[in-house]
Protein backbone atom coordinates (compact mmCIF):
# COMPACT_ATOMS: atom_id res chain seq x y z
CA MET A 1 -6.16 -12.37 -5.01
CA HIS A 2 -2.53 -13.35 -4.63
CA VAL A 3 -0.44 -10.06 -4.98
CA ARG A 4 2.85 -10.32 -6.67
CA LYS A 5 3.81 -6.66 -6.73
CA ILE A 6 2.91 -3.49 -4.94
CA THR A 7 3.46 -0.03 -6.43
CA PHE A 8 3.03 3.42 -4.90
CA ASP A 9 2.28 6.42 -7.05
CA GLY A 10 2.37 9.97 -5.60
CA PHE A 11 2.74 10.50 -2.00
CA ASP A 12 5.76 12.74 -2.73
CA GLY A 13 6.45 16.46 -2.08
CA PRO A 14 8.73 18.55 -0.09
CA GLU A 15 8.36 18.33 3.66
CA PRO A 16 6.86 19.49 5.89
CA GLU A 17 3.65 19.63 3.91
CA GLY A 18 0.09 18.71 4.40
CA MET A 19 -1.56 15.30 3.50
CA LYS A 20 -0.25 13.88 0.12
CA PRO A 21 -2.53 12.20 -2.37
CA GLY A 22 -1.49 9.05 -4.03
CA THR A 23 -2.44 5.49 -5.07
CA VAL A 24 -1.43 2.05 -4.02
CA SER A 25 -1.67 -0.76 -6.60
CA LEU A 26 -1.88 -4.32 -5.56
CA ILE A 27 -0.93 -6.31 -8.74
CA ALA A 28 -1.82 -9.93 -9.28
CA THR A 29 -1.36 -12.07 -12.41
CA ASN A 30 -5.33 -11.91 -12.79
CA GLY A 31 -5.76 -8.30 -12.20
CA ARG A 32 -5.04 -5.34 -9.95
CA ILE A 33 -6.69 -3.25 -7.27
CA GLU A 34 -5.82 0.54 -6.98
CA VAL A 35 -6.54 2.16 -3.82
CA ALA A 36 -6.52 6.15 -3.63
CA LEU A 37 -5.34 7.58 -0.26
CA LEU A 38 -4.17 10.54 1.51
CA ALA A 39 -0.78 9.95 3.22
CA PRO A 40 0.48 12.08 6.21
CA PRO A 41 3.49 14.13 5.69
CA ARG A 42 6.82 12.44 5.74
CA VAL A 43 8.21 13.31 9.14
CA SER A 44 11.61 11.88 10.29
CA PRO A 45 12.11 9.40 12.23
CA TRP A 46 9.06 7.60 10.67
CA ARG A 47 10.17 8.09 7.06
CA ILE A 48 10.89 4.52 6.73
CA ALA A 49 7.76 3.36 8.39
CA LEU A 50 5.62 5.59 6.11
CA PRO A 51 5.24 2.95 3.19
CA ARG A 52 4.10 0.29 5.73
CA ARG A 53 1.49 2.63 7.13
CA ILE A 54 0.23 3.60 3.68
CA LEU A 55 0.09 -0.06 2.57
CA ALA A 56 -1.72 -0.96 5.95
CA ARG A 57 -4.37 1.65 5.12
CA ALA A 58 -4.67 0.32 1.55
CA ILE A 59 -5.11 -3.19 2.74
CA ASP A 60 -7.72 -2.12 5.22
CA ARG A 61 -9.68 -0.51 2.46
CA VAL A 62 -9.47 -3.59 0.26
CA MET A 63 -10.70 -5.75 3.23
CA ARG A 64 -13.87 -3.62 3.56
CA MET A 65 -14.91 -4.43 -0.18
CA PRO A 66 -17.80 -6.69 -0.24
CA GLU A 67 -16.06 -9.68 -1.66
CA TYR A 68 -13.23 -9.65 0.81
CA ARG A 69 -15.50 -8.76 3.77
CA THR A 70 -17.72 -11.56 3.12
CA GLY A 71 -14.92 -14.14 2.47
CA GLN A 72 -15.70 -14.76 -1.17
CA GLU A 73 -12.19 -13.56 -2.03
CA GLU A 74 -8.78 -13.89 -0.18
CA LEU A 75 -5.91 -11.56 -0.10
CA SER A 76 -2.43 -13.02 0.01
CA PHE A 77 1.03 -11.69 -0.70
CA ASP A 78 4.36 -13.14 -2.39
CA GLU A 79 6.89 -13.32 0.49
CA GLY A 80 9.44 -11.25 -1.49
CA VAL A 81 6.99 -8.33 -1.81
CA LEU A 82 6.54 -8.02 1.92
CA THR A 83 10.20 -8.90 2.77
CA ASP A 84 11.25 -5.81 0.82
CA LEU A 85 8.93 -3.54 2.64
CA ARG A 86 10.08 -4.80 5.97
CA MET A 87 13.65 -4.07 5.08
CA GLY A 88 12.63 -0.32 4.48
CA HIS A 89 12.72 -0.64 0.61
CA PRO A 90 9.32 0.87 -0.51
CA PRO A 91 7.77 -0.70 -3.58
CA GLY A 92 8.44 0.69 -6.95
């Protein structure tokens, strides 16, 4: 699956607060994978790093799926998608 877009839904709320539920969607031209997660509260100074941590958890979950774990499927990303995340701009 070649991911062309990533979206985060949920994960908001006033801080400080407990774990926040939401979903990460990895969107490709041939489909999408939605991963439900609980994110830790947004605590400064890690506010910018939080989307990266959430995405890392989502990718970890995807890589545990049988088709990815056995190597039948591969996961790749458009460069622009990851560049925006590295620059501190969370996906839409």
